[in-house]
Amino acid sequence: MFKEDALLDDDPIEFKGGKLTLSTDETESEKPLLNRRVTNETSLALPWTEEDPRSFFCYRDELVTNVMAEIKQFLDNSHNISDVCGTWLLTEISFWDNERERVVVLTKDYLIVVKYDFIALKILNHYKIPLHDIDTLTVGDLVYPSGSLAPHINGITSGVMHVLKSCALKVARNSLTNFNTPQSINETFNITYFKARTRNITGVRPMWNKGEPLKFSTKWNPFSNSIPWATFTSHPLLWHKTGNDEYLRTYDVDNFVSRFIKAVQQTPRTSMCHIQHKPILLQNYFGVLSIIHNRNGLGFFKVRGKFSF
């Protein structure tokens, strides 16, 4: 993770100028992102389309509310941070395309990302990104490289899971009714379920690399914690929970983006921050390990049969 002491020891910036620019070469910059929802599950590469939302420990409304209050109190007591602008429960996507459940706290000066154990009810770790260090902010659809096998592997995996589930349900139904029901081969082995599955979801990526490329040792080291950017998208419960917009915004990356941009714009800085509206590239070319990780929701605190982790 990032070293907190290094971030806290940064000298305050007195310069009150600076400006942000919007990308003009993308028509997406003119399209609203708020309240986007995805309903066509056969085209998704999301791990939660067939999940029971009640398996998430954060499914309980009062628990999320209490956790947010606890984190705010922790930041106030430990780091003297009380100017919280908003809190969200989002999905962070690592450089290696692994999805992780994170509480995101936006303050006047920092973006704070917290890993919270919703089972043991405690903060595991956190890191802070000074807003004045962010030099690029990209908002757009999450996409894979053109030569990536990840969408195709996701499609094959989804198709196989659909076939196995369909066969299991039909066997169970036939055993309960004591007669064989007509089975459509075309329905069970529908090629649609095997098609490549794109992300089809929006996200945001703040970067503080000053335009410098990643070092070779960092780019190919899966244990490296010095990636100079972060990627966020909506939490799975955004598509499963019901309630008013004020409550659902907790899980909505679009709501976070609108507040995040305003905070970055109001932050004193010595250099310009570029805000871009274009696709966010997930550099996953093969993706077997990330598919296993994301398909099983290993980055989320969930009930998993007789176990919870």
C-alpha atoms as a PDB file:
ATOM      1  CA  MET A   1       0.000   0.000   0.000  1.00  0.00           C
ATOM      2  CA  PHE A   2       1.048   3.623  -0.165  1.00  0.00           C
ATOM      3  CA  LYS A   3       3.094   4.995   2.676  1.00  0.00           C
ATOM      4  CA  GLU A   4       0.875   7.182   4.753  1.00  0.00           C
ATOM      5  CA  ASP A   5       3.696   9.089   6.402  1.00  0.00           C
ATOM      6  CA  ALA A   6       4.993  10.227   3.041  1.00  0.00           C
ATOM      7  CA  LEU A   7       1.599  11.524   2.120  1.00  0.00           C
ATOM      8  CA  LEU A   8       1.015  13.303   5.391  1.00  0.00           C
ATOM      9  CA  ASP A   9       4.419  14.974   5.332  1.00  0.00           C
ATOM     10  CA  ASP A  10       3.756  16.773   2.069  1.00  0.00           C
ATOM     11  CA  ASP A  11       4.237  20.517   2.418  1.00  0.00           C
ATOM     12  CA  PRO A  12       0.993  22.473   2.086  1.00  0.00           C
ATOM     13  CA  ILE A  13       0.487  24.252  -1.207  1.00  0.00           C
ATOM     14  CA  GLU A  14      -0.321  27.925  -0.979  1.00  0.00           C
ATOM     15  CA  PHE A  15      -0.864  28.540  -4.659  1.00  0.00           C
ATOM     16  CA  LYS A  16      -4.559  29.257  -5.280  1.00  0.00           C
ATOM     17  CA  GLY A  17      -4.511  29.204  -9.067  1.00  0.00           C
ATOM     18  CA  GLY A  18      -4.457  26.464 -11.616  1.00  0.00           C
ATOM     19  CA  LYS A  19      -7.250  25.148 -13.735  1.00  0.00           C
ATOM     20  CA  LEU A  20      -8.622  21.934 -15.125  1.00  0.00           C
ATOM     21  CA  THR A  21      -9.370  21.148 -18.734  1.00  0.00           C
ATOM     22  CA  LEU A  22     -11.940  18.895 -20.301  1.00  0.00           C
ATOM     23  CA  SER A  23     -11.074  16.642 -23.198  1.00  0.00           C
ATOM     24  CA  THR A  24     -12.715  17.862 -26.367  1.00  0.00           C
ATOM     25  CA  ASP A  25     -11.832  14.961 -28.651  1.00  0.00           C
ATOM     26  CA  GLU A  26     -14.387  12.611 -27.125  1.00  0.00           C
ATOM     27  CA  THR A  27     -18.113  12.916 -27.712  1.00  0.00           C
ATOM     28  CA  GLU A  28     -18.639  10.919 -24.511  1.00  0.00           C
ATOM     29  CA  SER A  29     -17.755  14.044 -22.526  1.00  0.00           C
ATOM     30  CA  GLU A  30     -21.142  15.459 -23.449  1.00  0.00           C
ATOM     31  CA  LYS A  31     -23.101  12.434 -22.304  1.00  0.00           C
ATOM     32  CA  PRO A  32     -24.434  12.221 -18.732  1.00  0.00           C
ATOM     33  CA  LEU A  33     -23.161   9.316 -16.667  1.00  0.00           C
ATOM     34  CA  LEU A  34     -25.513   9.520 -13.715  1.00  0.00           C
ATOM     35  CA  ASN A  35     -27.857   6.647 -12.957  1.00  0.00           C
ATOM     36  CA  ARG A  36     -26.523   4.333 -15.651  1.00  0.00           C
ATOM     37  CA  ARG A  37     -27.799   0.799 -15.072  1.00  0.00           C
ATOM     38  CA  VAL A  38     -26.966  -2.415 -16.912  1.00  0.00           C
ATOM     39  CA  THR A  39     -29.759  -4.914 -17.493  1.00  0.00           C
ATOM     40  CA  ASN A  40     -28.527  -7.187 -20.300  1.00  0.00           C
ATOM     41  CA  GLU A  41     -26.734  -9.796 -18.208  1.00  0.00           C
ATOM     42  CA  THR A  42     -25.620 -11.908 -21.177  1.00  0.00           C
ATOM     43  CA  SER A  43     -23.252  -9.139 -22.294  1.00  0.00           C
ATOM     44  CA  LEU A  44     -21.649  -8.511 -18.907  1.00  0.00           C
ATOM     45  CA  ALA A  45     -18.312  -9.537 -17.506  1.00  0.00           C
ATOM     46  CA  LEU A  46     -19.485  -8.903 -13.955  1.00  0.00           C
ATOM     47  CA  PRO A  47     -19.055 -11.524 -11.215  1.00  0.00           C
ATOM     48  CA  TRP A  48     -22.308 -10.692  -9.466  1.00  0.00           C
ATOM     49  CA  THR A  49     -24.990 -11.149 -12.137  1.00  0.00           C
ATOM     50  CA  GLU A  50     -25.998 -14.533 -10.707  1.00  0.00           C
ATOM     51  CA  GLU A  51     -25.184 -13.840  -7.065  1.00  0.00           C
ATOM     52  CA  ASP A  52     -27.581 -13.735  -4.146  1.00  0.00           C
ATOM     53  CA  PRO A  53     -27.193 -10.140  -2.907  1.00  0.00           C
ATOM     54  CA  ARG A  54     -27.933 -11.254   0.655  1.00  0.00           C
ATOM     55  CA  SER A  55     -24.609 -13.112   0.651  1.00  0.00           C
ATOM     56  CA  PHE A  56     -22.821  -9.753   0.923  1.00  0.00           C
ATOM     57  CA  PHE A  57     -22.283  -8.792   4.554  1.00  0.00           C
ATOM     58  CA  CYS A  58     -22.788  -5.148   3.642  1.00  0.00           C
ATOM     59  CA  TYR A  59     -26.328  -5.945   2.416  1.00  0.00           C
ATOM     60  CA  ARG A  60     -27.715  -4.742   5.757  1.00  0.00           C
ATOM     61  CA  ASP A  61     -28.568  -1.064   5.538  1.00  0.00           C
ATOM     62  CA  GLU A  62     -27.844  -0.233   9.156  1.00  0.00           C
ATOM     63  CA  LEU A  63     -24.435  -1.926   8.966  1.00  0.00           C
ATOM     64  CA  VAL A  64     -23.235   0.290   6.119  1.00  0.00           C
ATOM     65  CA  THR A  65     -24.480   3.390   7.919  1.00  0.00           C
ATOM     66  CA  ASN A  66     -22.633   2.416  11.103  1.00  0.00           C
ATOM     67  CA  VAL A  67     -19.448   1.575   9.194  1.00  0.00           C
ATOM     68  CA  MET A  68     -19.398   4.952   7.474  1.00  0.00           C
ATOM     69  CA  ALA A  69     -19.799   6.695  10.837  1.00  0.00           C
ATOM     70  CA  GLU A  70     -17.038   4.560  12.356  1.00  0.00           C
ATOM     71  CA  ILE A  71     -14.610   5.374   9.551  1.00  0.00           C
ATOM     72  CA  LYS A  72     -15.341   9.093   9.841  1.00  0.00           C
ATOM     73  CA  GLN A  73     -14.644   8.904  13.582  1.00  0.00           C
ATOM     74  CA  PHE A  74     -11.417   6.985  12.941  1.00  0.00           C
ATOM     75  CA  LEU A  75     -10.164   9.603  10.481  1.00  0.00           C
ATOM     76  CA  ASP A  76     -11.017  12.396  12.889  1.00  0.00           C
ATOM     77  CA  ASN A  77      -9.286  10.739  15.832  1.00  0.00           C
ATOM     78  CA  SER A  78      -6.246   9.307  14.035  1.00  0.00           C
ATOM     79  CA  HIS A  79      -5.535  11.874  11.319  1.00  0.00           C
ATOM     80  CA  ASN A  80      -7.499  14.915  12.465  1.00  0.00           C
ATOM     81  CA  ILE A  81      -9.566  14.744   9.267  1.00  0.00           C
ATOM     82  CA  SER A  82     -13.100  15.989   9.822  1.00  0.00           C
ATOM     83  CA  ASP A  83     -13.880  17.763   6.535  1.00  0.00           C
ATOM     84  CA  VAL A  84     -15.510  14.723   4.896  1.00  0.00           C
ATOM     85  CA  CYS A  85     -17.373  15.585   1.680  1.00  0.00           C
ATOM     86  CA  GLY A  86     -18.878  12.136   1.119  1.00  0.00           C
ATOM     87  CA  THR A  87     -18.506   8.388   1.626  1.00  0.00           C
ATOM     88  CA  TRP A  88     -19.209   5.529  -0.790  1.00  0.00           C
ATOM     89  CA  LEU A  89     -18.977   1.755  -0.881  1.00  0.00           C
ATOM     90  CA  LEU A  90     -17.459   0.995  -4.282  1.00  0.00           C
ATOM     91  CA  THR A  91     -15.476  -1.623  -6.173  1.00  0.00           C
ATOM     92  CA  GLU A  92     -11.793  -0.938  -6.693  1.00  0.00           C
ATOM     93  CA  ILE A  93     -10.192  -2.702  -9.659  1.00  0.00           C
ATOM     94  CA  SER A  94      -6.496  -3.379  -9.287  1.00  0.00           C
ATOM     95  CA  PHE A  95      -3.932  -3.039 -12.071  1.00  0.00           C
ATOM     96  CA  TRP A  96      -4.253  -6.806 -12.561  1.00  0.00           C
ATOM     97  CA  ASP A  97      -8.064  -6.611 -12.914  1.00  0.00           C
ATOM     98  CA  ASN A  98      -8.905  -7.977  -9.467  1.00  0.00           C
ATOM     99  CA  GLU A  99     -12.080  -6.487  -7.960  1.00  0.00           C
ATOM    100  CA  ARG A 100     -12.087  -5.485  -4.308  1.00  0.00           C
ATOM    101  CA  GLU A 101     -14.700  -4.046  -1.972  1.00  0.00           C
ATOM    102  CA  ARG A 102     -13.619  -0.656  -0.634  1.00  0.00           C
ATOM    103  CA  VAL A 103     -15.054   2.246   1.345  1.00  0.00           C
ATOM    104  CA  VAL A 104     -14.072   5.481  -0.408  1.00  0.00           C
ATOM    105  CA  VAL A 105     -13.972   8.706   1.599  1.00  0.00           C
ATOM    106  CA  LEU A 106     -13.666  12.076  -0.101  1.00  0.00           C
ATOM    107  CA  THR A 107     -12.402  15.034   1.895  1.00  0.00           C
ATOM    108  CA  LYS A 108     -11.366  18.553   0.979  1.00  0.00           C
ATOM    109  CA  ASP A 109      -7.731  17.492   0.575  1.00  0.00           C
ATOM    110  CA  TYR A 110      -7.652  13.700   0.252  1.00  0.00           C
ATOM    111  CA  LEU A 111      -9.221  10.710  -1.398  1.00  0.00           C
ATOM    112  CA  ILE A 112      -9.056   7.958   1.225  1.00  0.00           C
ATOM    113  CA  VAL A 113      -9.556   4.304   0.313  1.00  0.00           C
ATOM    114  CA  VAL A 114     -10.385   1.973   3.205  1.00  0.00           C
ATOM    115  CA  LYS A 115     -10.383  -1.820   3.311  1.00  0.00           C
ATOM    116  CA  TYR A 116     -13.009  -2.678   5.900  1.00  0.00           C
ATOM    117  CA  ASP A 117     -13.733  -6.137   7.281  1.00  0.00           C
ATOM    118  CA  PHE A 118     -17.540  -6.329   7.292  1.00  0.00           C
ATOM    119  CA  ILE A 119     -17.363  -9.631   9.198  1.00  0.00           C
ATOM    120  CA  ALA A 120     -15.035  -8.681  12.074  1.00  0.00           C
ATOM    121  CA  LEU A 121     -16.236  -5.050  11.846  1.00  0.00           C
ATOM    122  CA  LYS A 122     -12.822  -3.420  11.810  1.00  0.00           C
ATOM    123  CA  ILE A 123     -10.595  -1.370   9.527  1.00  0.00           C
ATOM    124  CA  LEU A 124      -7.869  -3.538   8.008  1.00  0.00           C
ATOM    125  CA  ASN A 125      -5.867  -0.870   6.184  1.00  0.00           C
ATOM    126  CA  HIS A 126      -6.221   2.327   4.212  1.00  0.00           C
ATOM    127  CA  TYR A 127      -4.301   4.695   1.988  1.00  0.00           C
ATOM    128  CA  LYS A 128      -4.651   8.359   1.093  1.00  0.00           C
ATOM    129  CA  ILE A 129      -4.259  10.177  -2.200  1.00  0.00           C
ATOM    130  CA  PRO A 130      -3.702  13.956  -1.930  1.00  0.00           C
ATOM    131  CA  LEU A 131      -6.061  15.630  -4.382  1.00  0.00           C
ATOM    132  CA  HIS A 132      -3.390  18.115  -5.444  1.00  0.00           C
ATOM    133  CA  ASP A 133      -1.212  15.193  -6.600  1.00  0.00           C
ATOM    134  CA  ILE A 134      -3.816  13.964  -9.098  1.00  0.00           C
ATOM    135  CA  ASP A 135      -2.758  15.154 -12.553  1.00  0.00           C
ATOM    136  CA  THR A 136      -5.225  13.148 -14.687  1.00  0.00           C
ATOM    137  CA  LEU A 137      -8.802  12.085 -14.023  1.00  0.00           C
ATOM    138  CA  THR A 138     -10.357   9.722 -16.577  1.00  0.00           C
ATOM    139  CA  VAL A 139     -14.084   8.911 -16.638  1.00  0.00           C
ATOM    140  CA  GLY A 140     -15.590   6.397 -19.033  1.00  0.00           C
ATOM    141  CA  ASP A 141     -16.424   2.795 -19.873  1.00  0.00           C
ATOM    142  CA  LEU A 142     -14.135   0.023 -18.615  1.00  0.00           C
ATOM    143  CA  VAL A 143     -12.695  -1.809 -21.618  1.00  0.00           C
ATOM    144  CA  TYR A 144     -10.176  -4.553 -22.364  1.00  0.00           C
ATOM    145  CA  PRO A 145      -7.386  -4.228 -24.970  1.00  0.00           C
ATOM    146  CA  SER A 146      -8.332  -5.246 -28.506  1.00  0.00           C
ATOM    147  CA  GLY A 147      -6.167  -8.370 -28.332  1.00  0.00           C
ATOM    148  CA  SER A 148      -7.298  -9.451 -24.865  1.00  0.00           C
ATOM    149  CA  LEU A 149      -8.597 -12.973 -24.322  1.00  0.00           C
ATOM    150  CA  ALA A 150     -10.379 -11.969 -21.118  1.00  0.00           C
ATOM    151  CA  PRO A 151     -13.787 -11.203 -22.746  1.00  0.00           C
ATOM    152  CA  HIS A 152     -13.726 -14.529 -24.609  1.00  0.00           C
ATOM    153  CA  ILE A 153     -12.728 -16.516 -21.513  1.00  0.00           C
ATOM    154  CA  ASN A 154     -15.482 -14.744 -19.592  1.00  0.00           C
ATOM    155  CA  GLY A 155     -17.978 -15.707 -22.290  1.00  0.00           C
ATOM    156  CA  ILE A 156     -16.948 -19.358 -22.317  1.00  0.00           C
ATOM    157  CA  THR A 157     -17.054 -19.488 -18.516  1.00  0.00           C
ATOM    158  CA  SER A 158     -20.524 -17.937 -18.463  1.00  0.00           C
ATOM    159  CA  GLY A 159     -21.783 -20.375 -21.092  1.00  0.00           C
ATOM    160  CA  VAL A 160     -20.473 -23.422 -19.246  1.00  0.00           C
ATOM    161  CA  MET A 161     -21.953 -22.217 -15.955  1.00  0.00           C
ATOM    162  CA  HIS A 162     -25.308 -21.585 -17.646  1.00  0.00           C
ATOM    163  CA  VAL A 163     -25.351 -25.104 -19.147  1.00  0.00           C
ATOM    164  CA  LEU A 164     -24.435 -26.766 -15.834  1.00  0.00           C
ATOM    165  CA  LYS A 165     -27.034 -24.774 -13.918  1.00  0.00           C
ATOM    166  CA  SER A 166     -29.736 -25.462 -16.523  1.00  0.00           C
ATOM    167  CA  CYS A 167     -29.036 -29.197 -16.520  1.00  0.00           C
ATOM    168  CA  ALA A 168     -28.984 -29.353 -12.706  1.00  0.00           C
ATOM    169  CA  LEU A 169     -32.307 -27.509 -12.445  1.00  0.00           C
ATOM    170  CA  LYS A 170     -33.963 -29.730 -15.037  1.00  0.00           C
ATOM    171  CA  VAL A 171     -32.739 -32.913 -13.351  1.00  0.00           C
ATOM    172  CA  ALA A 172     -34.058 -31.690 -10.002  1.00  0.00           C
ATOM    173  CA  ARG A 173     -37.386 -30.669 -11.535  1.00  0.00           C
ATOM    174  CA  ASN A 174     -37.825 -34.006 -13.271  1.00  0.00           C
ATOM    175  CA  SER A 175     -37.010 -35.976 -10.118  1.00  0.00           C
ATOM    176  CA  LEU A 176     -39.585 -34.008  -8.119  1.00  0.00           C
ATOM    177  CA  THR A 177     -42.353 -34.369 -10.695  1.00  0.00           C
ATOM    178  CA  ASN A 178     -41.503 -38.009 -11.590  1.00  0.00           C
ATOM    179  CA  PHE A 179     -41.700 -37.355 -15.311  1.00  0.00           C
ATOM    180  CA  ASN A 180     -39.472 -35.939 -17.960  1.00  0.00           C
ATOM    181  CA  THR A 181     -40.218 -32.431 -19.166  1.00  0.00           C
ATOM    182  CA  PRO A 182     -39.378 -31.448 -22.730  1.00  0.00           C
ATOM    183  CA  GLN A 183     -35.861 -30.075 -22.940  1.00  0.00           C
ATOM    184  CA  SER A 184     -34.784 -27.662 -25.632  1.00  0.00           C
ATOM    185  CA  ILE A 185     -31.173 -28.205 -26.668  1.00  0.00           C
ATOM    186  CA  ASN A 186     -31.124 -24.812 -28.352  1.00  0.00           C
ATOM    187  CA  GLU A 187     -32.298 -23.166 -25.141  1.00  0.00           C
ATOM    188  CA  THR A 188     -29.714 -24.865 -22.929  1.00  0.00           C
ATOM    189  CA  PHE A 189     -26.792 -24.456 -25.326  1.00  0.00           C
ATOM    190  CA  ASN A 190     -27.745 -21.009 -26.602  1.00  0.00           C
ATOM    191  CA  ILE A 191     -24.666 -19.518 -28.260  1.00  0.00           C
ATOM    192  CA  THR A 192     -25.551 -16.137 -26.760  1.00  0.00           C
ATOM    193  CA  TYR A 193     -24.285 -17.275 -23.371  1.00  0.00           C
ATOM    194  CA  PHE A 194     -20.879 -18.131 -24.861  1.00  0.00           C
ATOM    195  CA  LYS A 195     -20.255 -14.809 -26.585  1.00  0.00           C
ATOM    196  CA  ALA A 196     -17.464 -12.521 -25.462  1.00  0.00           C
ATOM    197  CA  ARG A 197     -18.601 -10.473 -22.476  1.00  0.00           C
ATOM    198  CA  THR A 198     -17.439  -6.880 -22.240  1.00  0.00           C
ATOM    199  CA  ARG A 199     -17.493  -4.876 -19.034  1.00  0.00           C
ATOM    200  CA  ASN A 200     -20.326  -2.604 -20.196  1.00  0.00           C
ATOM    201  CA  ILE A 201     -19.974  -0.451 -17.107  1.00  0.00           C
ATOM    202  CA  THR A 202     -18.506   2.964 -16.286  1.00  0.00           C
ATOM    203  CA  GLY A 203     -15.699   3.806 -13.925  1.00  0.00           C
ATOM    204  CA  VAL A 204     -13.229   6.496 -12.909  1.00  0.00           C
ATOM    205  CA  ARG A 205      -9.435   6.463 -12.747  1.00  0.00           C
ATOM    206  CA  PRO A 206      -7.457   9.162 -10.882  1.00  0.00           C
ATOM    207  CA  MET A 207      -3.758   9.171 -11.812  1.00  0.00           C
ATOM    208  CA  TRP A 208      -0.782  10.819 -10.127  1.00  0.00           C
ATOM    209  CA  ASN A 209       2.069   9.475 -12.269  1.00  0.00           C
ATOM    210  CA  LYS A 210       2.863  12.889 -13.868  1.00  0.00           C
ATOM    211  CA  GLY A 211       2.716  11.249 -17.283  1.00  0.00           C
ATOM    212  CA  GLU A 212       5.559   8.851 -16.504  1.00  0.00           C
ATOM    213  CA  PRO A 213       5.196   5.207 -17.661  1.00  0.00           C
ATOM    214  CA  LEU A 214       5.337   2.362 -15.172  1.00  0.00           C
ATOM    215  CA  LYS A 215       8.691   0.798 -14.472  1.00  0.00           C
ATOM    216  CA  PHE A 216       9.138  -2.722 -15.819  1.00  0.00           C
ATOM    217  CA  SER A 217       9.660  -4.107 -12.310  1.00  0.00           C
ATOM    218  CA  THR A 218       6.397  -2.535 -11.169  1.00  0.00           C
ATOM    219  CA  LYS A 219       4.299  -3.431 -14.201  1.00  0.00           C
ATOM    220  CA  TRP A 220       5.035  -7.144 -13.981  1.00  0.00           C
ATOM    221  CA  ASN A 221       5.128  -7.507 -10.209  1.00  0.00           C
ATOM    222  CA  PRO A 222       1.675  -8.620  -8.936  1.00  0.00           C
ATOM    223  CA  PHE A 223       2.729  -7.806  -5.362  1.00  0.00           C
ATOM    224  CA  SER A 224       3.683  -4.205  -6.117  1.00  0.00           C
ATOM    225  CA  ASN A 225       1.816  -1.531  -4.159  1.00  0.00           C
ATOM    226  CA  SER A 226       3.236   1.467  -5.990  1.00  0.00           C
ATOM    227  CA  ILE A 227       0.877   1.719  -8.968  1.00  0.00           C
ATOM    228  CA  PRO A 228       0.347   5.510  -9.373  1.00  0.00           C
ATOM    229  CA  TRP A 229      -3.365   5.304 -10.149  1.00  0.00           C
ATOM    230  CA  ALA A 230      -6.567   3.684  -8.923  1.00  0.00           C
ATOM    231  CA  THR A 231      -9.702   2.501 -10.731  1.00  0.00           C
ATOM    232  CA  PHE A 232     -13.202   2.490  -9.245  1.00  0.00           C
ATOM    233  CA  THR A 233     -16.599   1.318 -10.403  1.00  0.00           C
ATOM    234  CA  SER A 234     -19.976   0.742  -8.780  1.00  0.00           C
ATOM    235  CA  HIS A 235     -20.514  -1.820  -6.035  1.00  0.00           C
ATOM    236  CA  PRO A 236     -22.524  -4.961  -7.003  1.00  0.00           C
ATOM    237  CA  LEU A 237     -25.368  -3.998  -4.663  1.00  0.00           C
ATOM    238  CA  LEU A 238     -26.235  -1.041  -6.882  1.00  0.00           C
ATOM    239  CA  TRP A 239     -28.028  -3.510  -9.150  1.00  0.00           C
ATOM    240  CA  HIS A 240     -29.597  -5.566  -6.368  1.00  0.00           C
ATOM    241  CA  LYS A 241     -30.671  -3.137  -3.670  1.00  0.00           C
ATOM    242  CA  THR A 242     -33.928  -1.243  -3.663  1.00  0.00           C
ATOM    243  CA  GLY A 243     -34.509   2.162  -2.148  1.00  0.00           C
ATOM    244  CA  ASN A 244     -34.488   5.849  -2.926  1.00  0.00           C
ATOM    245  CA  ASP A 245     -31.750   7.522  -4.928  1.00  0.00           C
ATOM    246  CA  GLU A 246     -30.228   9.068  -1.827  1.00  0.00           C
ATOM    247  CA  TYR A 247     -29.513   5.625  -0.404  1.00  0.00           C
ATOM    248  CA  LEU A 248     -28.440   3.942  -3.650  1.00  0.00           C
ATOM    249  CA  ARG A 249     -25.914   6.684  -4.343  1.00  0.00           C
ATOM    250  CA  THR A 250     -23.704   4.990  -1.697  1.00  0.00           C
ATOM    251  CA  TYR A 251     -22.948   2.245  -4.226  1.00  0.00           C
ATOM    252  CA  ASP A 252     -22.989   4.389  -7.378  1.00  0.00           C
ATOM    253  CA  VAL A 253     -19.676   5.395  -8.967  1.00  0.00           C
ATOM    254  CA  ASP A 254     -21.462   8.031 -11.058  1.00  0.00           C
ATOM    255  CA  ASN A 255     -22.527   9.874  -7.926  1.00  0.00           C
ATOM    256  CA  PHE A 256     -18.952   9.616  -6.639  1.00  0.00           C
ATOM    257  CA  VAL A 257     -17.567  10.988  -9.914  1.00  0.00           C
ATOM    258  CA  SER A 258     -19.704  14.123  -9.816  1.00  0.00           C
ATOM    259  CA  ARG A 259     -18.535  14.939  -6.271  1.00  0.00           C
ATOM    260  CA  PHE A 260     -14.948  13.908  -7.003  1.00  0.00           C
ATOM    261  CA  ILE A 261     -14.585  16.256  -9.972  1.00  0.00           C
ATOM    262  CA  LYS A 262     -15.885  19.191  -7.931  1.00  0.00           C
ATOM    263  CA  ALA A 263     -13.432  18.440  -5.109  1.00  0.00           C
ATOM    264  CA  VAL A 264     -10.485  18.232  -7.514  1.00  0.00           C
ATOM    265  CA  GLN A 265     -11.519  21.499  -9.174  1.00  0.00           C
ATOM    266  CA  GLN A 266     -11.603  23.306  -5.834  1.00  0.00           C
ATOM    267  CA  THR A 267      -8.226  21.994  -4.638  1.00  0.00           C
ATOM    268  CA  PRO A 268      -5.327  24.489  -4.694  1.00  0.00           C
ATOM    269  CA  ARG A 269      -2.626  23.159  -7.000  1.00  0.00           C
ATOM    270  CA  THR A 270       0.558  24.211  -8.775  1.00  0.00           C
ATOM    271  CA  SER A 271      -0.092  22.303 -11.998  1.00  0.00           C
ATOM    272  CA  MET A 272      -3.047  21.630 -14.235  1.00  0.00           C
ATOM    273  CA  CYS A 273      -5.201  18.514 -13.852  1.00  0.00           C
ATOM    274  CA  HIS A 274      -6.645  17.029 -17.037  1.00  0.00           C
ATOM    275  CA  ILE A 275     -10.159  15.594 -16.857  1.00  0.00           C
ATOM    276  CA  GLN A 276     -10.798  13.170 -19.690  1.00  0.00           C
ATOM    277  CA  HIS A 277     -13.963  11.392 -20.807  1.00  0.00           C
ATOM    278  CA  LYS A 278     -12.813   8.309 -22.668  1.00  0.00           C
ATOM    279  CA  PRO A 279     -12.627   4.496 -22.213  1.00  0.00           C
ATOM    280  CA  ILE A 280     -10.561   3.253 -19.275  1.00  0.00           C
ATOM    281  CA  LEU A 281      -8.219   0.475 -20.359  1.00  0.00           C
ATOM    282  CA  LEU A 282      -7.896  -2.591 -18.117  1.00  0.00           C
ATOM    283  CA  GLN A 283      -4.615  -4.184 -19.113  1.00  0.00           C
ATOM    284  CA  ASN A 284      -5.787  -7.770 -18.797  1.00  0.00           C
ATOM    285  CA  TYR A 285      -4.730  -9.859 -21.806  1.00  0.00           C
ATOM    286  CA  PHE A 286      -5.236 -13.407 -20.530  1.00  0.00           C
ATOM    287  CA  GLY A 287      -7.093 -13.009 -17.279  1.00  0.00           C
ATOM    288  CA  VAL A 288      -7.478 -16.540 -15.900  1.00  0.00           C
ATOM    289  CA  LEU A 289      -6.424 -15.645 -12.358  1.00  0.00           C
ATOM    290  CA  SER A 290      -8.532 -12.479 -12.289  1.00  0.00           C
ATOM    291  CA  ILE A 291     -11.546 -14.376 -13.657  1.00  0.00           C
ATOM    292  CA  ILE A 292     -11.243 -16.951 -10.856  1.00  0.00           C
ATOM    293  CA  HIS A 293     -10.857 -14.151  -8.325  1.00  0.00           C
ATOM    294  CA  ASN A 294     -13.758 -12.064  -9.649  1.00  0.00           C
ATOM    295  CA  ARG A 295     -16.123 -14.940 -10.422  1.00  0.00           C
ATOM    296  CA  ASN A 296     -15.932 -16.081  -6.818  1.00  0.00           C
ATOM    297  CA  GLY A 297     -16.109 -12.548  -5.431  1.00  0.00           C
ATOM    298  CA  LEU A 298     -12.922 -13.111  -3.419  1.00  0.00           C
ATOM    299  CA  GLY A 299     -12.457  -9.370  -3.025  1.00  0.00           C
ATOM    300  CA  PHE A 300     -15.801  -9.008  -1.216  1.00  0.00           C
ATOM    301  CA  PHE A 301     -16.790 -10.045   2.297  1.00  0.00           C
ATOM    302  CA  LYS A 302     -19.490 -12.635   1.775  1.00  0.00           C
ATOM    303  CA  VAL A 303     -21.202 -15.683   3.194  1.00  0.00           C
ATOM    304  CA  ARG A 304     -19.796 -18.681   1.333  1.00  0.00           C
ATOM    305  CA  GLY A 305     -21.718 -21.757   2.394  1.00  0.00           C
ATOM    306  CA  LYS A 306     -20.578 -22.732   5.866  1.00  0.00           C
ATOM    307  CA  PHE A 307     -17.779 -20.187   5.739  1.00  0.00           C
ATOM    308  CA  SER A 308     -17.623 -16.413   5.656  1.00  0.00           C
ATOM    309  CA  PHE A 309     -14.676 -14.435   4.335  1.00  0.00           C
END
